């Protein structure tokens, strides 16, 4: 089943095990966790596993406990993703997946 657009809340808890090392005293959510959220959303919305990150740009940090919005949009065989917090785009890119 393909869904043209899907939107998910994204929140990384302050006690996530990757945060103390990224960065001590002032943690930010690592990009790999954001991509993991994209992969999970792709599977949840389309039943596809992430097979390729075509492009990913991390524009602004997401802090622990902030609730961002993750949006997926179909685009000619690829899926565009965007992660936003309030009025800022934190990350965007293109991925591919397959069933």
PDB file of N, CA and C in Angstrom:
ATOM      1  N   UNK A   1       0.845  -1.181   0.000  1.00  0.00           N
ATOM      2  CA  UNK A   1       0.000   0.000   0.000  1.00  0.00           C
ATOM      3  C   UNK A   1       0.888   1.241   0.000  1.00  0.00           C
ATOM      4  N   UNK A   2       0.625   2.166  -0.881  1.00  0.00           N
ATOM      5  CA  UNK A   2       1.391   3.401  -0.952  1.00  0.00           C
ATOM      6  C   UNK A   2       0.536   4.553  -0.458  1.00  0.00           C
ATOM      7  N   UNK A   3       1.121   5.353   0.359  1.00  0.00           N
ATOM      8  CA  UNK A   3       0.458   6.532   0.890  1.00  0.00           C
ATOM      9  C   UNK A   3       1.212   7.739   0.357  1.00  0.00           C
ATOM     10  N   UNK A   4       0.520   8.665  -0.294  1.00  0.00           N
ATOM     11  CA  UNK A   4       1.188   9.806  -0.924  1.00  0.00           C
ATOM     12  C   UNK A   4       1.933  10.659   0.097  1.00  0.00           C
ATOM     13  N   UNK A   5       1.311  10.921   1.226  1.00  0.00           N
ATOM     14  CA  UNK A   5       1.939  11.729   2.268  1.00  0.00           C
ATOM     15  C   UNK A   5       1.668  11.078   3.613  1.00  0.00           C
ATOM     16  N   UNK A   6       2.631  11.149   4.489  1.00  0.00           N
ATOM     17  CA  UNK A   6       2.460  10.637   5.844  1.00  0.00           C
ATOM     18  C   UNK A   6       3.209  11.569   6.792  1.00  0.00           C
ATOM     19  N   UNK A   7       2.623  11.807   7.954  1.00  0.00           N
ATOM     20  CA  UNK A   7       3.217  12.699   8.941  1.00  0.00           C
ATOM     21  C   UNK A   7       3.277  11.964  10.276  1.00  0.00           C
ATOM     22  N   UNK A   8       4.422  12.063  10.941  1.00  0.00           N
ATOM     23  CA  UNK A   8       4.641  11.388  12.215  1.00  0.00           C
ATOM     24  C   UNK A   8       5.260  12.355  13.216  1.00  0.00           C
ATOM     25  N   UNK A   9       4.876  12.257  14.486  1.00  0.00           N
ATOM     26  CA  UNK A   9       5.603  13.009  15.512  1.00  0.00           C
ATOM     27  C   UNK A   9       6.947  12.330  15.762  1.00  0.00           C
ATOM     28  N   UNK A  10       7.940  13.105  16.096  1.00  0.00           N
ATOM     29  CA  UNK A  10       9.283  12.582  16.349  1.00  0.00           C
ATOM     30  C   UNK A  10       9.810  13.199  17.636  1.00  0.00           C
ATOM     31  N   UNK A  11      10.083  12.351  18.611  1.00  0.00           N
ATOM     32  CA  UNK A  11      10.623  12.807  19.890  1.00  0.00           C
ATOM     33  C   UNK A  11      11.642  11.791  20.376  1.00  0.00           C
ATOM     34  N   UNK A  12      12.835  12.254  20.699  1.00  0.00           N
ATOM     35  CA  UNK A  12      13.882  11.396  21.244  1.00  0.00           C
ATOM     36  C   UNK A  12      13.996  11.730  22.734  1.00  0.00           C
ATOM     37  N   UNK A  13      13.789  10.733  23.600  1.00  0.00           N
ATOM     38  CA  UNK A  13      13.828  11.007  25.041  1.00  0.00           C
ATOM     39  C   UNK A  13      15.225  11.401  25.521  1.00  0.00           C
ATOM     40  N   UNK A  14      15.255  12.196  26.563  1.00  0.00           N
ATOM     41  CA  UNK A  14      16.522  12.695  27.113  1.00  0.00           C
ATOM     42  C   UNK A  14      17.414  11.577  27.645  1.00  0.00           C
ATOM     43  N   UNK A  15      16.832  10.421  27.960  1.00  0.00           N
ATOM     44  CA  UNK A  15      17.642   9.324  28.489  1.00  0.00           C
ATOM     45  C   UNK A  15      18.082   8.328  27.403  1.00  0.00           C
ATOM     46  N   UNK A  16      17.948   8.703  26.125  1.00  0.00           N
ATOM     47  CA  UNK A  16      18.383   7.806  25.046  1.00  0.00           C
ATOM     48  C   UNK A  16      19.881   7.549  25.208  1.00  0.00           C
ATOM     49  N   UNK A  17      20.315   6.286  25.058  1.00  0.00           N
ATOM     50  CA  UNK A  17      21.724   5.950  25.326  1.00  0.00           C
ATOM     51  C   UNK A  17      22.754   6.625  24.418  1.00  0.00           C
ATOM     52  N   UNK A  18      22.362   7.151  23.278  1.00  0.00           N
ATOM     53  CA  UNK A  18      23.347   7.790  22.393  1.00  0.00           C
ATOM     54  C   UNK A  18      23.627   9.237  22.771  1.00  0.00           C
ATOM     55  N   UNK A  19      22.801   9.823  23.587  1.00  0.00           N
ATOM     56  CA  UNK A  19      22.927  11.264  23.837  1.00  0.00           C
ATOM     57  C   UNK A  19      24.122  11.683  24.696  1.00  0.00           C
ATOM     58  N   UNK A  20      24.510  10.940  25.730  1.00  0.00           N
ATOM     59  CA  UNK A  20      25.652  11.415  26.531  1.00  0.00           C
ATOM     60  C   UNK A  20      26.929  11.630  25.712  1.00  0.00           C
ATOM     61  N   UNK A  21      27.148  10.875  24.664  1.00  0.00           N
ATOM     62  CA  UNK A  21      28.349  11.053  23.857  1.00  0.00           C
ATOM     63  C   UNK A  21      28.175  12.017  22.701  1.00  0.00           C
ATOM     64  N   UNK A  22      26.974  12.624  22.587  1.00  0.00           N
ATOM     65  CA  UNK A  22      26.689  13.444  21.394  1.00  0.00           C
ATOM     66  C   UNK A  22      25.950  14.727  21.777  1.00  0.00           C
ATOM     67  N   UNK A  23      26.350  15.595  22.466  1.00  0.00           N
ATOM     68  CA  UNK A  23      27.654  15.961  22.971  1.00  0.00           C
ATOM     69  C   UNK A  23      27.553  16.142  24.479  1.00  0.00           C
ATOM     70  N   UNK A  24      28.575  15.738  25.243  1.00  0.00           N
ATOM     71  CA  UNK A  24      28.491  15.809  26.696  1.00  0.00           C
ATOM     72  C   UNK A  24      28.131  17.211  27.197  1.00  0.00           C
ATOM     73  N   UNK A  25      27.106  17.261  28.038  1.00  0.00           N
ATOM     74  CA  UNK A  25      26.685  18.534  28.627  1.00  0.00           C
ATOM     75  C   UNK A  25      25.709  19.322  27.776  1.00  0.00           C
ATOM     76  N   UNK A  26      25.700  19.121  26.470  1.00  0.00           N
ATOM     77  CA  UNK A  26      24.793  19.813  25.564  1.00  0.00           C
ATOM     78  C   UNK A  26      24.349  18.855  24.470  1.00  0.00           C
ATOM     79  N   UNK A  27      23.569  17.827  24.824  1.00  0.00           N
ATOM     80  CA  UNK A  27      23.235  16.796  23.830  1.00  0.00           C
ATOM     81  C   UNK A  27      22.348  17.307  22.704  1.00  0.00           C
ATOM     82  N   UNK A  28      22.632  16.791  21.517  1.00  0.00           N
ATOM     83  CA  UNK A  28      21.743  16.965  20.372  1.00  0.00           C
ATOM     84  C   UNK A  28      21.472  15.573  19.809  1.00  0.00           C
ATOM     85  N   UNK A  29      20.383  15.435  19.112  1.00  0.00           N
ATOM     86  CA  UNK A  29      20.012  14.144  18.550  1.00  0.00           C
ATOM     87  C   UNK A  29      20.904  13.866  17.337  1.00  0.00           C
ATOM     88  N   UNK A  30      21.619  12.739  17.344  1.00  0.00           N
ATOM     89  CA  UNK A  30      22.484  12.399  16.206  1.00  0.00           C
ATOM     90  C   UNK A  30      21.681  12.186  14.922  1.00  0.00           C
ATOM     91  N   UNK A  31      22.274  12.528  13.807  1.00  0.00           N
ATOM     92  CA  UNK A  31      21.626  12.353  12.508  1.00  0.00           C
ATOM     93  C   UNK A  31      21.222  10.921  12.239  1.00  0.00           C
ATOM     94  N   UNK A  32      21.997   9.971  12.743  1.00  0.00           N
ATOM     95  CA  UNK A  32      21.657   8.571  12.513  1.00  0.00           C
ATOM     96  C   UNK A  32      20.324   8.213  13.178  1.00  0.00           C
ATOM     97  N   UNK A  33      19.995   8.841  14.296  1.00  0.00           N
ATOM     98  CA  UNK A  33      18.688   8.598  14.926  1.00  0.00           C
ATOM     99  C   UNK A  33      17.564   9.211  14.101  1.00  0.00           C
ATOM    100  N   UNK A  34      17.831  10.344  13.479  1.00  0.00           N
ATOM    101  CA  UNK A  34      16.824  10.946  12.604  1.00  0.00           C
ATOM    102  C   UNK A  34      16.575  10.042  11.396  1.00  0.00           C
ATOM    103  N   UNK A  35      17.640   9.492  10.820  1.00  0.00           N
ATOM    104  CA  UNK A  35      17.475   8.579   9.686  1.00  0.00           C
ATOM    105  C   UNK A  35      16.790   7.285  10.115  1.00  0.00           C
ATOM    106  N   UNK A  36      17.045   6.838  11.332  1.00  0.00           N
ATOM    107  CA  UNK A  36      16.349   5.665  11.850  1.00  0.00           C
ATOM    108  C   UNK A  36      14.853   5.943  11.949  1.00  0.00           C
ATOM    109  N   UNK A  37      14.495   7.150  12.359  1.00  0.00           N
ATOM    110  CA  UNK A  37      13.077   7.531  12.419  1.00  0.00           C
ATOM    111  C   UNK A  37      12.464   7.553  11.020  1.00  0.00           C
ATOM    112  N   UNK A  38      13.233   8.011  10.032  1.00  0.00           N
ATOM    113  CA  UNK A  38      12.757   7.993   8.642  1.00  0.00           C
ATOM    114  C   UNK A  38      12.514   6.554   8.207  1.00  0.00           C
ATOM    115  N   UNK A  39      13.452   5.665   8.511  1.00  0.00           N
ATOM    116  CA  UNK A  39      13.306   4.251   8.140  1.00  0.00           C
ATOM    117  C   UNK A  39      12.072   3.645   8.794  1.00  0.00           C
ATOM    118  N   UNK A  40      11.854   3.943  10.060  1.00  0.00           N
ATOM    119  CA  UNK A  40      10.682   3.410  10.771  1.00  0.00           C
ATOM    120  C   UNK A  40       9.383   3.951  10.175  1.00  0.00           C
ATOM    121  N   UNK A  41       9.364   5.237   9.862  1.00  0.00           N
ATOM    122  CA  UNK A  41       8.169   5.840   9.257  1.00  0.00           C
ATOM    123  C   UNK A  41       7.893   5.261   7.875  1.00  0.00           C
ATOM    124  N   UNK A  42       8.949   5.008   7.118  1.00  0.00           N
ATOM    125  CA  UNK A  42       8.801   4.406   5.790  1.00  0.00           C
ATOM    126  C   UNK A  42       8.170   3.022   5.915  1.00  0.00           C
ATOM    127  N   UNK A  43       8.610   2.263   6.888  1.00  0.00           N
ATOM    128  CA  UNK A  43       8.058   0.927   7.090  1.00  0.00           C
ATOM    129  C   UNK A  43       6.611   1.001   7.592  1.00  0.00           C
ATOM    130  N   UNK A  44       6.359   1.886   8.535  1.00  0.00           N
ATOM    131  CA  UNK A  44       5.011   2.023   9.096  1.00  0.00           C
ATOM    132  C   UNK A  44       4.011   2.486   8.052  1.00  0.00           C
ATOM    133  N   UNK A  45       4.384   3.449   7.231  1.00  0.00           N
ATOM    134  CA  UNK A  45       3.423   4.035   6.287  1.00  0.00           C
ATOM    135  C   UNK A  45       3.300   3.261   4.982  1.00  0.00           C
ATOM    136  N   UNK A  46       4.368   2.567   4.581  1.00  0.00           N
ATOM    137  CA  UNK A  46       4.358   1.932   3.266  1.00  0.00           C
ATOM    138  C   UNK A  46       4.683   0.448   3.291  1.00  0.00           C
ATOM    139  N   UNK A  47       5.148  -0.047   4.432  1.00  0.00           N
ATOM    140  CA  UNK A  47       5.567  -1.435   4.496  1.00  0.00           C
ATOM    141  C   UNK A  47       6.876  -1.685   3.772  1.00  0.00           C
ATOM    142  N   UNK A  48       7.656  -0.622   3.567  1.00  0.00           N
ATOM    143  CA  UNK A  48       8.935  -0.732   2.863  1.00  0.00           C
ATOM    144  C   UNK A  48      10.085  -0.578   3.847  1.00  0.00           C
ATOM    145  N   UNK A  49      11.146  -1.326   3.570  1.00  0.00           N
ATOM    146  CA  UNK A  49      12.362  -1.123   4.360  1.00  0.00           C
ATOM    147  C   UNK A  49      13.255  -0.136   3.606  1.00  0.00           C
ATOM    148  N   UNK A  50      13.973   0.644   4.339  1.00  0.00           N
ATOM    149  CA  UNK A  50      14.886   1.620   3.755  1.00  0.00           C
ATOM    150  C   UNK A  50      16.020   0.886   3.057  1.00  0.00           C
ATOM    151  N   UNK A  51      16.223   1.171   1.781  1.00  0.00           N
ATOM    152  CA  UNK A  51      17.303   0.528   1.026  1.00  0.00           C
ATOM    153  C   UNK A  51      18.406   1.500   0.626  1.00  0.00           C
ATOM    154  N   UNK A  52      18.088   2.789   0.577  1.00  0.00           N
ATOM    155  CA  UNK A  52      19.099   3.760   0.142  1.00  0.00           C
ATOM    156  C   UNK A  52      18.762   5.140   0.678  1.00  0.00           C
ATOM    157  N   UNK A  53      19.761   5.814   1.197  1.00  0.00           N
ATOM    158  CA  UNK A  53      19.656   7.229   1.503  1.00  0.00           C
ATOM    159  C   UNK A  53      20.299   7.938   0.319  1.00  0.00           C
ATOM    160  N   UNK A  54      19.471   8.508  -0.535  1.00  0.00           N
ATOM    161  CA  UNK A  54      19.963   9.181  -1.745  1.00  0.00           C
ATOM    162  C   UNK A  54      20.649  10.483  -1.360  1.00  0.00           C
ATOM    163  N   UNK A  55      20.005  11.206  -0.458  1.00  0.00           N
ATOM    164  CA  UNK A  55      20.533  12.497  -0.015  1.00  0.00           C
ATOM    165  C   UNK A  55      19.966  12.792   1.354  1.00  0.00           C
ATOM    166  N   UNK A  56      20.779  13.375   2.226  1.00  0.00           N
ATOM    167  CA  UNK A  56      20.316  13.814   3.541  1.00  0.00           C
ATOM    168  C   UNK A  56      21.088  15.059   3.932  1.00  0.00           C
ATOM    169  N   UNK A  57      20.348  16.077   4.327  1.00  0.00           N
ATOM    170  CA  UNK A  57      20.958  17.323   4.785  1.00  0.00           C
ATOM    171  C   UNK A  57      20.424  17.612   6.180  1.00  0.00           C
ATOM    172  N   UNK A  58      21.343  17.844   7.101  1.00  0.00           N
ATOM    173  CA  UNK A  58      20.987  18.175   8.472  1.00  0.00           C
ATOM    174  C   UNK A  58      21.268  19.659   8.649  1.00  0.00           C
ATOM    175  N   UNK A  59      20.206  20.431   8.807  1.00  0.00           N
ATOM    176  CA  UNK A  59      20.308  21.889   8.745  1.00  0.00           C
ATOM    177  C   UNK A  59      20.353  22.568  10.105  1.00  0.00           C
ATOM    178  N   UNK A  60      19.746  21.941  11.094  1.00  0.00           N
ATOM    179  CA  UNK A  60      19.663  22.524  12.423  1.00  0.00           C
ATOM    180  C   UNK A  60      19.452  21.387  13.415  1.00  0.00           C
ATOM    181  N   UNK A  61      19.993  21.493  14.633  1.00  0.00           N
ATOM    182  CA  UNK A  61      19.890  20.365  15.555  1.00  0.00           C
ATOM    183  C   UNK A  61      18.487  20.193  16.161  1.00  0.00           C
ATOM    184  N   UNK A  62      18.174  18.936  16.437  1.00  0.00           N
ATOM    185  CA  UNK A  62      17.001  18.590  17.237  1.00  0.00           C
ATOM    186  C   UNK A  62      17.516  18.286  18.626  1.00  0.00           C
ATOM    187  N   UNK A  63      16.890  18.866  19.622  1.00  0.00           N
ATOM    188  CA  UNK A  63      17.293  18.638  21.007  1.00  0.00           C
ATOM    189  C   UNK A  63      16.440  17.531  21.612  1.00  0.00           C
ATOM    190  N   UNK A  64      16.994  16.822  22.596  1.00  0.00           N
ATOM    191  CA  UNK A  64      16.201  15.800  23.272  1.00  0.00           C
ATOM    192  C   UNK A  64      14.903  16.400  23.814  1.00  0.00           C
ATOM    193  N   UNK A  65      13.837  15.610  23.731  1.00  0.00           N
ATOM    194  CA  UNK A  65      12.500  15.951  24.225  1.00  0.00           C
ATOM    195  C   UNK A  65      11.725  16.916  23.325  1.00  0.00           C
ATOM    196  N   UNK A  66      12.360  17.544  22.358  1.00  0.00           N
ATOM    197  CA  UNK A  66      11.596  18.379  21.433  1.00  0.00           C
ATOM    198  C   UNK A  66      10.737  17.470  20.561  1.00  0.00           C
ATOM    199  N   UNK A  67       9.513  17.890  20.296  1.00  0.00           N
ATOM    200  CA  UNK A  67       8.615  17.115  19.446  1.00  0.00           C
ATOM    201  C   UNK A  67       8.622  17.747  18.061  1.00  0.00           C
ATOM    202  N   UNK A  68       9.236  17.042  17.135  1.00  0.00           N
ATOM    203  CA  UNK A  68       9.328  17.509  15.752  1.00  0.00           C
ATOM    204  C   UNK A  68       8.283  16.773  14.913  1.00  0.00           C
ATOM    205  N   UNK A  69       8.162  17.200  13.667  1.00  0.00           N
ATOM    206  CA  UNK A  69       7.255  16.557  12.719  1.00  0.00           C
ATOM    207  C   UNK A  69       8.091  15.967  11.595  1.00  0.00           C
ATOM    208  N   UNK A  70       7.863  14.678  11.330  1.00  0.00           N
ATOM    209  CA  UNK A  70       8.524  13.980  10.235  1.00  0.00           C
ATOM    210  C   UNK A  70       7.498  13.743   9.140  1.00  0.00           C
ATOM    211  N   UNK A  71       7.765  14.275   7.964  1.00  0.00           N
ATOM    212  CA  UNK A  71       6.839  14.157   6.837  1.00  0.00           C
ATOM    213  C   UNK A  71       7.509  13.374   5.711  1.00  0.00           C
ATOM    214  N   UNK A  72       6.777  12.402   5.174  1.00  0.00           N
ATOM    215  CA  UNK A  72       7.214  11.648   4.002  1.00  0.00           C
ATOM    216  C   UNK A  72       6.302  11.985   2.841  1.00  0.00           C
ATOM    217  N   UNK A  73       6.878  12.176   1.661  1.00  0.00           N
ATOM    218  CA  UNK A  73       6.112  12.482   0.461  1.00  0.00           C
ATOM    219  C   UNK A  73       6.658  11.654  -0.695  1.00  0.00           C
ATOM    220  N   UNK A  74       5.764  10.935  -1.391  1.00  0.00           N
ATOM    221  CA  UNK A  74       6.178  10.170  -2.569  1.00  0.00           C
ATOM    222  C   UNK A  74       6.608  11.126  -3.671  1.00  0.00           C
ATOM    223  N   UNK A  75       7.678  10.724  -4.386  1.00  0.00           N
ATOM    224  CA  UNK A  75       8.188  11.572  -5.463  1.00  0.00           C
ATOM    225  C   UNK A  75       8.857  10.688  -6.511  1.00  0.00           C
ATOM    226  N   UNK A  76       8.079  10.185  -7.438  1.00  0.00           N
ATOM    227  CA  UNK A  76       8.613   9.431  -8.572  1.00  0.00           C
ATOM    228  C   UNK A  76       9.501   8.260  -8.216  1.00  0.00           C
ATOM    229  N   UNK A  77       9.034   7.365  -7.356  1.00  0.00           N
ATOM    230  CA  UNK A  77       9.820   6.196  -6.981  1.00  0.00           C
ATOM    231  C   UNK A  77      10.748   6.425  -5.806  1.00  0.00           C
ATOM    232  N   UNK A  78      10.895   7.636  -5.418  1.00  0.00           N
ATOM    233  CA  UNK A  78      11.675   7.991  -4.230  1.00  0.00           C
ATOM    234  C   UNK A  78      10.726   8.577  -3.206  1.00  0.00           C
ATOM    235  N   UNK A  79      11.226   8.712  -1.995  1.00  0.00           N
ATOM    236  CA  UNK A  79      10.437   9.328  -0.928  1.00  0.00           C
ATOM    237  C   UNK A  79      11.231  10.504  -0.386  1.00  0.00           C
ATOM    238  N   UNK A  80      10.607  11.660  -0.401  1.00  0.00           N
ATOM    239  CA  UNK A  80      11.210  12.848   0.201  1.00  0.00           C
ATOM    240  C   UNK A  80      10.856  12.854   1.679  1.00  0.00           C
ATOM    241  N   UNK A  81      11.819  13.219   2.522  1.00  0.00           N
ATOM    242  CA  UNK A  81      11.513  13.381   3.936  1.00  0.00           C
ATOM    243  C   UNK A  81      11.897  14.778   4.378  1.00  0.00           C
ATOM    244  N   UNK A  82      11.169  15.246   5.368  1.00  0.00           N
ATOM    245  CA  UNK A  82      11.470  16.531   5.973  1.00  0.00           C
ATOM    246  C   UNK A  82      11.154  16.424   7.454  1.00  0.00           C
ATOM    247  N   UNK A  83      12.063  16.917   8.280  1.00  0.00           N
ATOM    248  CA  UNK A  83      11.864  16.962   9.721  1.00  0.00           C
ATOM    249  C   UNK A  83      11.837  18.427  10.111  1.00  0.00           C
ATOM    250  N   UNK A  84      10.733  18.816  10.760  1.00  0.00           N
ATOM    251  CA  UNK A  84      10.541  20.218  11.124  1.00  0.00           C
ATOM    252  C   UNK A  84      10.268  20.346  12.620  1.00  0.00           C
ATOM    253  N   UNK A  85      10.760  21.413  13.190  1.00  0.00           N
ATOM    254  CA  UNK A  85      10.436  21.778  14.562  1.00  0.00           C
ATOM    255  C   UNK A  85      10.007  23.239  14.535  1.00  0.00           C
ATOM    256  N   UNK A  86       8.783  23.458  14.967  1.00  0.00           N
ATOM    257  CA  UNK A  86       8.166  24.783  14.892  1.00  0.00           C
ATOM    258  C   UNK A  86       8.228  25.246  13.436  1.00  0.00           C
ATOM    259  N   UNK A  87       8.860  26.352  13.147  1.00  0.00           N
ATOM    260  CA  UNK A  87       8.868  26.847  11.765  1.00  0.00           C
ATOM    261  C   UNK A  87      10.196  26.575  11.048  1.00  0.00           C
ATOM    262  N   UNK A  88      11.048  25.740  11.646  1.00  0.00           N
ATOM    263  CA  UNK A  88      12.372  25.471  11.074  1.00  0.00           C
ATOM    264  C   UNK A  88      12.454  24.076  10.472  1.00  0.00           C
ATOM    265  N   UNK A  89      13.107  23.982   9.347  1.00  0.00           N
ATOM    266  CA  UNK A  89      13.432  22.683   8.763  1.00  0.00           C
ATOM    267  C   UNK A  89      14.751  22.236   9.386  1.00  0.00           C
ATOM    268  N   UNK A  90      14.729  21.093  10.068  1.00  0.00           N
ATOM    269  CA  UNK A  90      15.924  20.577  10.723  1.00  0.00           C
ATOM    270  C   UNK A  90      16.707  19.637   9.815  1.00  0.00           C
ATOM    271  N   UNK A  91      15.977  18.874   9.007  1.00  0.00           N
ATOM    272  CA  UNK A  91      16.630  17.915   8.112  1.00  0.00           C
ATOM    273  C   UNK A  91      15.695  17.639   6.945  1.00  0.00           C
ATOM    274  N   UNK A  92      16.312  17.304   5.808  1.00  0.00           N
ATOM    275  CA  UNK A  92      15.518  16.940   4.637  1.00  0.00           C
ATOM    276  C   UNK A  92      16.374  16.063   3.743  1.00  0.00           C
ATOM    277  N   UNK A  93      15.688  15.315   2.905  1.00  0.00           N
ATOM    278  CA  UNK A  93      16.438  14.467   1.995  1.00  0.00           C
ATOM    279  C   UNK A  93      15.536  13.550   1.205  1.00  0.00           C
ATOM    280  N   UNK A  94      16.176  12.582   0.564  1.00  0.00           N
ATOM    281  CA  UNK A  94      15.484  11.634  -0.300  1.00  0.00           C
ATOM    282  C   UNK A  94      15.979  10.240   0.025  1.00  0.00           C
ATOM    283  N   UNK A  95      15.039   9.307   0.111  1.00  0.00           N
ATOM    284  CA  UNK A  95      15.379   7.913   0.380  1.00  0.00           C
ATOM    285  C   UNK A  95      14.637   7.011  -0.588  1.00  0.00           C
ATOM    286  N   UNK A  96      15.069   5.771  -0.661  1.00  0.00           N
ATOM    287  CA  UNK A  96      14.382   4.738  -1.421  1.00  0.00           C
ATOM    288  C   UNK A  96      14.095   3.585  -0.474  1.00  0.00           C
ATOM    289  N   UNK A  97      12.998   2.889  -0.790  1.00  0.00           N
ATOM    290  CA  UNK A  97      12.661   1.707  -0.009  1.00  0.00           C
ATOM    291  C   UNK A  97      12.033   0.672  -0.910  1.00  0.00           C
ATOM    292  N   UNK A  98      11.962  -0.549  -0.401  1.00  0.00           N
ATOM    293  CA  UNK A  98      11.287  -1.609  -1.145  1.00  0.00           C
ATOM    294  C   UNK A  98      10.628  -2.557  -0.159  1.00  0.00           C
ATOM    295  N   UNK A  99       9.579  -3.245  -0.629  1.00  0.00           N
ATOM    296  CA  UNK A  99       8.857  -4.147   0.267  1.00  0.00           C
ATOM    297  C   UNK A  99       9.723  -5.296   0.765  1.00  0.00           C
TER     298      UNK A  99
END
